[in-house]
């Protein structure tokens, strides 16, 4: 079978090669290390991306966005504590970063600390009302806290922004089932199924 070139992949590989050459000659450039971290992250090379973001921060510890990206990578590796710590360092530098609050809220949700998840996800939404990851974390956390109506309001806000966001339908199916509104629960279950986000017929934990 003939090899099919992916122009986007080829461009990314060339960009990485260019940045690696530049960092060889400018090893103290935080911007070059940061951009290389982004490129590695885009390529799925998590360990390499972590290394570059760390080097960027060695060159400039005040690079808040590098802490945020590093936190996201720690989450991908399953290190939730490191994820939270990195994003807290970002917020110490710039308390107006919605992604940092969102990442922390998501990490706490996975750790089972619903109240802290709600606290940080609400702050993310306060700063960026259309931030879908934070809204979805909030919808799930509200459900787990049995704040069902608030969860429903969150999920409907998500669907007003993006109609095909399947996890919102999953959360709504769960929320309406909890309220005993079977028809509405079935309606959203079917919509989730149609979007390829199949749900079992019984009451299951909400989608994250």
C-alpha atoms as a PDB file:
ATOM      1  CA  UNK A   1       0.000   0.000   0.000  1.00  0.00           C
ATOM      2  CA  UNK A   2       1.377   3.394  -1.007  1.00  0.00           C
ATOM      3  CA  UNK A   3       2.159   5.781   1.822  1.00  0.00           C
ATOM      4  CA  UNK A   4      -0.297   8.675   1.937  1.00  0.00           C
ATOM      5  CA  UNK A   5       1.220  11.948   3.041  1.00  0.00           C
ATOM      6  CA  UNK A   6      -0.656  13.990   5.609  1.00  0.00           C
ATOM      7  CA  UNK A   7       0.202  17.648   4.827  1.00  0.00           C
ATOM      8  CA  UNK A   8      -0.777  18.799   8.319  1.00  0.00           C
ATOM      9  CA  UNK A   9       1.463  16.164   9.940  1.00  0.00           C
ATOM     10  CA  UNK A  10       4.291  17.047   7.593  1.00  0.00           C
ATOM     11  CA  UNK A  11       3.983  20.732   8.508  1.00  0.00           C
ATOM     12  CA  UNK A  12       3.975  19.890  12.213  1.00  0.00           C
ATOM     13  CA  UNK A  13       7.081  17.730  11.842  1.00  0.00           C
ATOM     14  CA  UNK A  14       8.869  20.502   9.952  1.00  0.00           C
ATOM     15  CA  UNK A  15       7.839  23.017  12.622  1.00  0.00           C
ATOM     16  CA  UNK A  16       9.202  20.743  15.372  1.00  0.00           C
ATOM     17  CA  UNK A  17      12.474  20.324  13.440  1.00  0.00           C
ATOM     18  CA  UNK A  18      12.747  24.104  13.058  1.00  0.00           C
ATOM     19  CA  UNK A  19      12.077  24.725  16.769  1.00  0.00           C
ATOM     20  CA  UNK A  20      14.563  22.059  17.867  1.00  0.00           C
ATOM     21  CA  UNK A  21      17.239  23.701  15.720  1.00  0.00           C
ATOM     22  CA  UNK A  22      16.386  27.115  17.155  1.00  0.00           C
ATOM     23  CA  UNK A  23      16.454  25.905  20.778  1.00  0.00           C
ATOM     24  CA  UNK A  24      19.886  24.359  20.159  1.00  0.00           C
ATOM     25  CA  UNK A  25      21.221  27.847  19.406  1.00  0.00           C
ATOM     26  CA  UNK A  26      18.928  29.668  21.872  1.00  0.00           C
ATOM     27  CA  UNK A  27      18.592  27.270  24.831  1.00  0.00           C
ATOM     28  CA  UNK A  28      17.506  30.057  27.202  1.00  0.00           C
ATOM     29  CA  UNK A  29      14.498  31.151  25.142  1.00  0.00           C
ATOM     30  CA  UNK A  30      11.269  30.448  27.076  1.00  0.00           C
ATOM     31  CA  UNK A  31       9.170  31.171  23.987  1.00  0.00           C
ATOM     32  CA  UNK A  32      10.974  28.578  21.864  1.00  0.00           C
ATOM     33  CA  UNK A  33      10.664  25.894  24.558  1.00  0.00           C
ATOM     34  CA  UNK A  34       7.009  26.827  25.090  1.00  0.00           C
ATOM     35  CA  UNK A  35       6.185  26.610  21.392  1.00  0.00           C
ATOM     36  CA  UNK A  36       8.030  23.301  21.111  1.00  0.00           C
ATOM     37  CA  UNK A  37       5.996  22.036  24.062  1.00  0.00           C
ATOM     38  CA  UNK A  38       2.801  23.014  22.258  1.00  0.00           C
ATOM     39  CA  UNK A  39       3.959  21.282  19.077  1.00  0.00           C
ATOM     40  CA  UNK A  40       4.897  18.086  20.921  1.00  0.00           C
ATOM     41  CA  UNK A  41       1.554  18.177  22.735  1.00  0.00           C
ATOM     42  CA  UNK A  42      -0.274  18.546  19.426  1.00  0.00           C
ATOM     43  CA  UNK A  43       1.615  15.508  18.136  1.00  0.00           C
ATOM     44  CA  UNK A  44       0.692  13.492  21.231  1.00  0.00           C
ATOM     45  CA  UNK A  45       4.263  13.312  22.557  1.00  0.00           C
ATOM     46  CA  UNK A  46       3.334  13.958  26.169  1.00  0.00           C
ATOM     47  CA  UNK A  47       6.686  13.316  27.865  1.00  0.00           C
ATOM     48  CA  UNK A  48       8.539  15.474  25.344  1.00  0.00           C
ATOM     49  CA  UNK A  49       5.964  18.248  25.774  1.00  0.00           C
ATOM     50  CA  UNK A  50       6.301  18.108  29.573  1.00  0.00           C
ATOM     51  CA  UNK A  51      10.071  18.392  29.248  1.00  0.00           C
ATOM     52  CA  UNK A  52       9.805  21.473  27.022  1.00  0.00           C
ATOM     53  CA  UNK A  53       7.262  23.253  29.246  1.00  0.00           C
ATOM     54  CA  UNK A  54       9.506  22.577  32.246  1.00  0.00           C
ATOM     55  CA  UNK A  55      12.456  24.086  30.367  1.00  0.00           C
ATOM     56  CA  UNK A  56      10.329  27.085  29.386  1.00  0.00           C
ATOM     57  CA  UNK A  57       9.541  27.630  33.070  1.00  0.00           C
ATOM     58  CA  UNK A  58      13.184  27.277  34.053  1.00  0.00           C
ATOM     59  CA  UNK A  59      13.881  30.127  31.624  1.00  0.00           C
ATOM     60  CA  UNK A  60      10.852  32.159  32.765  1.00  0.00           C
ATOM     61  CA  UNK A  61       9.033  30.969  35.929  1.00  0.00           C
ATOM     62  CA  UNK A  62       6.350  33.631  35.355  1.00  0.00           C
ATOM     63  CA  UNK A  63       5.054  32.058  32.143  1.00  0.00           C
ATOM     64  CA  UNK A  64       1.581  31.326  33.508  1.00  0.00           C
ATOM     65  CA  UNK A  65       0.266  29.615  30.382  1.00  0.00           C
ATOM     66  CA  UNK A  66       3.138  27.102  30.507  1.00  0.00           C
ATOM     67  CA  UNK A  67       1.944  26.062  33.983  1.00  0.00           C
ATOM     68  CA  UNK A  68      -1.590  25.605  32.590  1.00  0.00           C
ATOM     69  CA  UNK A  69      -0.387  23.456  29.699  1.00  0.00           C
ATOM     70  CA  UNK A  70       1.869  21.467  31.992  1.00  0.00           C
ATOM     71  CA  UNK A  71      -1.101  20.842  34.269  1.00  0.00           C
ATOM     72  CA  UNK A  72      -3.152  19.550  31.363  1.00  0.00           C
ATOM     73  CA  UNK A  73      -0.387  17.123  30.436  1.00  0.00           C
ATOM     74  CA  UNK A  74      -0.105  15.865  34.015  1.00  0.00           C
ATOM     75  CA  UNK A  75      -3.838  15.163  33.846  1.00  0.00           C
ATOM     76  CA  UNK A  76      -3.339  13.137  30.660  1.00  0.00           C
ATOM     77  CA  UNK A  77      -0.743  11.060  32.502  1.00  0.00           C
ATOM     78  CA  UNK A  78      -3.181  10.493  35.362  1.00  0.00           C
ATOM     79  CA  UNK A  79      -1.240  12.604  37.860  1.00  0.00           C
ATOM     80  CA  UNK A  80      -4.115  14.643  39.244  1.00  0.00           C
ATOM     81  CA  UNK A  81      -2.221  16.163  42.162  1.00  0.00           C
ATOM     82  CA  UNK A  82       0.466  17.524  39.818  1.00  0.00           C
ATOM     83  CA  UNK A  83      -2.270  18.806  37.519  1.00  0.00           C
ATOM     84  CA  UNK A  84      -3.840  20.779  40.354  1.00  0.00           C
ATOM     85  CA  UNK A  85      -0.493  22.102  41.625  1.00  0.00           C
ATOM     86  CA  UNK A  86       0.592  23.297  38.171  1.00  0.00           C
ATOM     87  CA  UNK A  87      -2.682  25.132  37.592  1.00  0.00           C
ATOM     88  CA  UNK A  88      -2.559  26.684  41.070  1.00  0.00           C
ATOM     89  CA  UNK A  89       0.907  28.019  40.203  1.00  0.00           C
ATOM     90  CA  UNK A  90      -0.605  29.532  37.045  1.00  0.00           C
ATOM     91  CA  UNK A  91      -3.363  31.192  39.078  1.00  0.00           C
ATOM     92  CA  UNK A  92      -0.832  32.585  41.553  1.00  0.00           C
ATOM     93  CA  UNK A  93       0.658  34.431  38.569  1.00  0.00           C
ATOM     94  CA  UNK A  94      -2.634  35.313  36.864  1.00  0.00           C
ATOM     95  CA  UNK A  95      -5.915  34.732  38.749  1.00  0.00           C
ATOM     96  CA  UNK A  96      -7.985  35.431  35.618  1.00  0.00           C
ATOM     97  CA  UNK A  97      -7.190  32.229  33.688  1.00  0.00           C
ATOM     98  CA  UNK A  98     -10.457  30.291  33.147  1.00  0.00           C
ATOM     99  CA  UNK A  99      -8.642  27.232  31.763  1.00  0.00           C
ATOM    100  CA  UNK A 100      -6.637  26.871  34.983  1.00  0.00           C
ATOM    101  CA  UNK A 101      -9.811  26.892  37.100  1.00  0.00           C
ATOM    102  CA  UNK A 102     -11.441  24.485  34.627  1.00  0.00           C
ATOM    103  CA  UNK A 103      -8.503  22.066  34.784  1.00  0.00           C
ATOM    104  CA  UNK A 104      -8.547  22.109  38.586  1.00  0.00           C
ATOM    105  CA  UNK A 105     -12.314  21.559  38.647  1.00  0.00           C
ATOM    106  CA  UNK A 106     -11.988  18.628  36.245  1.00  0.00           C
ATOM    107  CA  UNK A 107      -9.173  17.073  38.294  1.00  0.00           C
ATOM    108  CA  UNK A 108     -11.149  17.381  41.538  1.00  0.00           C
ATOM    109  CA  UNK A 109     -14.161  15.825  39.799  1.00  0.00           C
ATOM    110  CA  UNK A 110     -12.040  12.784  38.934  1.00  0.00           C
ATOM    111  CA  UNK A 111     -10.738  12.680  42.501  1.00  0.00           C
ATOM    112  CA  UNK A 112     -14.302  12.605  43.826  1.00  0.00           C
ATOM    113  CA  UNK A 113     -14.101  15.975  45.575  1.00  0.00           C
ATOM    114  CA  UNK A 114     -17.391  17.362  44.269  1.00  0.00           C
ATOM    115  CA  UNK A 115     -17.450  20.572  46.295  1.00  0.00           C
ATOM    116  CA  UNK A 116     -13.973  21.652  45.186  1.00  0.00           C
ATOM    117  CA  UNK A 117     -14.865  20.715  41.622  1.00  0.00           C
ATOM    118  CA  UNK A 118     -17.950  22.933  41.789  1.00  0.00           C
ATOM    119  CA  UNK A 119     -15.994  25.791  43.371  1.00  0.00           C
ATOM    120  CA  UNK A 120     -13.334  25.894  40.645  1.00  0.00           C
ATOM    121  CA  UNK A 121     -15.644  25.103  37.733  1.00  0.00           C
ATOM    122  CA  UNK A 122     -18.003  27.914  38.799  1.00  0.00           C
ATOM    123  CA  UNK A 123     -15.047  30.317  38.842  1.00  0.00           C
ATOM    124  CA  UNK A 124     -14.050  29.201  35.331  1.00  0.00           C
ATOM    125  CA  UNK A 125     -17.596  29.816  34.067  1.00  0.00           C
ATOM    126  CA  UNK A 126     -17.719  33.176  35.832  1.00  0.00           C
ATOM    127  CA  UNK A 127     -14.607  34.226  33.886  1.00  0.00           C
ATOM    128  CA  UNK A 128     -15.616  32.543  30.600  1.00  0.00           C
ATOM    129  CA  UNK A 129     -19.386  31.882  30.459  1.00  0.00           C
ATOM    130  CA  UNK A 130     -19.139  29.851  27.221  1.00  0.00           C
ATOM    131  CA  UNK A 131     -16.305  27.574  28.366  1.00  0.00           C
ATOM    132  CA  UNK A 132     -17.755  24.142  27.514  1.00  0.00           C
ATOM    133  CA  UNK A 133     -15.335  21.911  29.515  1.00  0.00           C
ATOM    134  CA  UNK A 134     -16.019  23.873  32.713  1.00  0.00           C
ATOM    135  CA  UNK A 135     -19.775  23.918  32.078  1.00  0.00           C
ATOM    136  CA  UNK A 136     -19.762  20.157  31.543  1.00  0.00           C
ATOM    137  CA  UNK A 137     -17.702  19.514  34.681  1.00  0.00           C
ATOM    138  CA  UNK A 138     -20.156  21.703  36.552  1.00  0.00           C
ATOM    139  CA  UNK A 139     -23.170  19.820  35.162  1.00  0.00           C
ATOM    140  CA  UNK A 140     -21.656  16.509  36.286  1.00  0.00           C
ATOM    141  CA  UNK A 141     -20.588  17.826  39.700  1.00  0.00           C
ATOM    142  CA  UNK A 142     -24.025  19.348  40.332  1.00  0.00           C
ATOM    143  CA  UNK A 143     -25.588  15.963  39.566  1.00  0.00           C
ATOM    144  CA  UNK A 144     -23.247  14.219  41.975  1.00  0.00           C
ATOM    145  CA  UNK A 145     -24.147  16.828  44.605  1.00  0.00           C
ATOM    146  CA  UNK A 146     -27.862  16.193  43.845  1.00  0.00           C
ATOM    147  CA  UNK A 147     -28.288  19.793  42.688  1.00  0.00           C
ATOM    148  CA  UNK A 148     -30.297  18.473  39.769  1.00  0.00           C
ATOM    149  CA  UNK A 149     -31.999  21.651  38.543  1.00  0.00           C
ATOM    150  CA  UNK A 150     -28.669  23.490  38.449  1.00  0.00           C
ATOM    151  CA  UNK A 151     -27.178  20.614  36.462  1.00  0.00           C
ATOM    152  CA  UNK A 152     -30.059  20.775  33.980  1.00  0.00           C
ATOM    153  CA  UNK A 153     -29.593  24.533  33.556  1.00  0.00           C
ATOM    154  CA  UNK A 154     -25.865  23.991  32.882  1.00  0.00           C
ATOM    155  CA  UNK A 155     -26.481  21.304  30.276  1.00  0.00           C
ATOM    156  CA  UNK A 156     -29.088  23.402  28.459  1.00  0.00           C
ATOM    157  CA  UNK A 157     -26.610  26.278  28.379  1.00  0.00           C
ATOM    158  CA  UNK A 158     -24.075  23.943  26.772  1.00  0.00           C
ATOM    159  CA  UNK A 159     -26.582  22.862  24.109  1.00  0.00           C
ATOM    160  CA  UNK A 160     -27.437  26.493  23.379  1.00  0.00           C
ATOM    161  CA  UNK A 161     -23.746  26.944  22.526  1.00  0.00           C
ATOM    162  CA  UNK A 162     -23.177  23.594  20.783  1.00  0.00           C
ATOM    163  CA  UNK A 163     -26.213  21.486  19.886  1.00  0.00           C
ATOM    164  CA  UNK A 164     -24.245  18.299  19.164  1.00  0.00           C
ATOM    165  CA  UNK A 165     -22.367  18.200  22.485  1.00  0.00           C
ATOM    166  CA  UNK A 166     -23.332  14.622  23.376  1.00  0.00           C
ATOM    167  CA  UNK A 167     -22.191  14.598  27.051  1.00  0.00           C
ATOM    168  CA  UNK A 168     -24.780  17.322  27.777  1.00  0.00           C
ATOM    169  CA  UNK A 169     -27.530  14.983  26.552  1.00  0.00           C
ATOM    170  CA  UNK A 170     -26.063  12.210  28.726  1.00  0.00           C
ATOM    171  CA  UNK A 171     -26.165  14.476  31.758  1.00  0.00           C
ATOM    172  CA  UNK A 172     -29.711  15.618  30.955  1.00  0.00           C
ATOM    173  CA  UNK A 173     -30.900  12.022  30.577  1.00  0.00           C
ATOM    174  CA  UNK A 174     -29.475  11.260  34.011  1.00  0.00           C
ATOM    175  CA  UNK A 175     -30.848  14.452  35.561  1.00  0.00           C
ATOM    176  CA  UNK A 176     -34.379  14.001  34.239  1.00  0.00           C
ATOM    177  CA  UNK A 177     -34.328  10.341  35.327  1.00  0.00           C
ATOM    178  CA  UNK A 178     -33.422  11.517  38.832  1.00  0.00           C
ATOM    179  CA  UNK A 179     -36.439  13.871  38.731  1.00  0.00           C
ATOM    180  CA  UNK A 180     -38.699  11.058  37.512  1.00  0.00           C
ATOM    181  CA  UNK A 181     -39.315  12.807  34.177  1.00  0.00           C
ATOM    182  CA  UNK A 182     -39.047   9.641  32.104  1.00  0.00           C
ATOM    183  CA  UNK A 183     -40.045  11.077  28.717  1.00  0.00           C
ATOM    184  CA  UNK A 184     -37.478  13.858  28.870  1.00  0.00           C
ATOM    185  CA  UNK A 185     -34.838  11.391  30.076  1.00  0.00           C
ATOM    186  CA  UNK A 186     -35.585   9.078  27.122  1.00  0.00           C
ATOM    187  CA  UNK A 187     -35.519  12.009  24.685  1.00  0.00           C
ATOM    188  CA  UNK A 188     -32.001  12.999  25.731  1.00  0.00           C
ATOM    189  CA  UNK A 189     -30.849   9.387  25.924  1.00  0.00           C
ATOM    190  CA  UNK A 190     -31.912   8.945  22.291  1.00  0.00           C
ATOM    191  CA  UNK A 191     -30.143  12.163  21.276  1.00  0.00           C
ATOM    192  CA  UNK A 192     -26.940  10.966  22.958  1.00  0.00           C
ATOM    193  CA  UNK A 193     -27.260   7.624  21.140  1.00  0.00           C
ATOM    194  CA  UNK A 194     -27.792   9.398  17.796  1.00  0.00           C
ATOM    195  CA  UNK A 195     -24.578  11.357  18.386  1.00  0.00           C
ATOM    196  CA  UNK A 196     -22.674   8.130  18.983  1.00  0.00           C
ATOM    197  CA  UNK A 197     -22.554   8.467  22.769  1.00  0.00           C
ATOM    198  CA  UNK A 198     -24.425   5.297  23.663  1.00  0.00           C
ATOM    199  CA  UNK A 199     -25.899   4.982  27.139  1.00  0.00           C
ATOM    200  CA  UNK A 200     -27.041   1.808  28.889  1.00  0.00           C
ATOM    201  CA  UNK A 201     -30.798   1.648  29.494  1.00  0.00           C
ATOM    202  CA  UNK A 202     -30.468   1.732  33.286  1.00  0.00           C
ATOM    203  CA  UNK A 203     -29.525   4.722  35.438  1.00  0.00           C
ATOM    204  CA  UNK A 204     -25.790   5.117  35.038  1.00  0.00           C
ATOM    205  CA  UNK A 205     -23.309   7.722  36.245  1.00  0.00           C
ATOM    206  CA  UNK A 206     -23.410  10.917  34.210  1.00  0.00           C
ATOM    207  CA  UNK A 207     -20.986  11.418  31.367  1.00  0.00           C
ATOM    208  CA  UNK A 208     -17.931  13.580  31.998  1.00  0.00           C
END
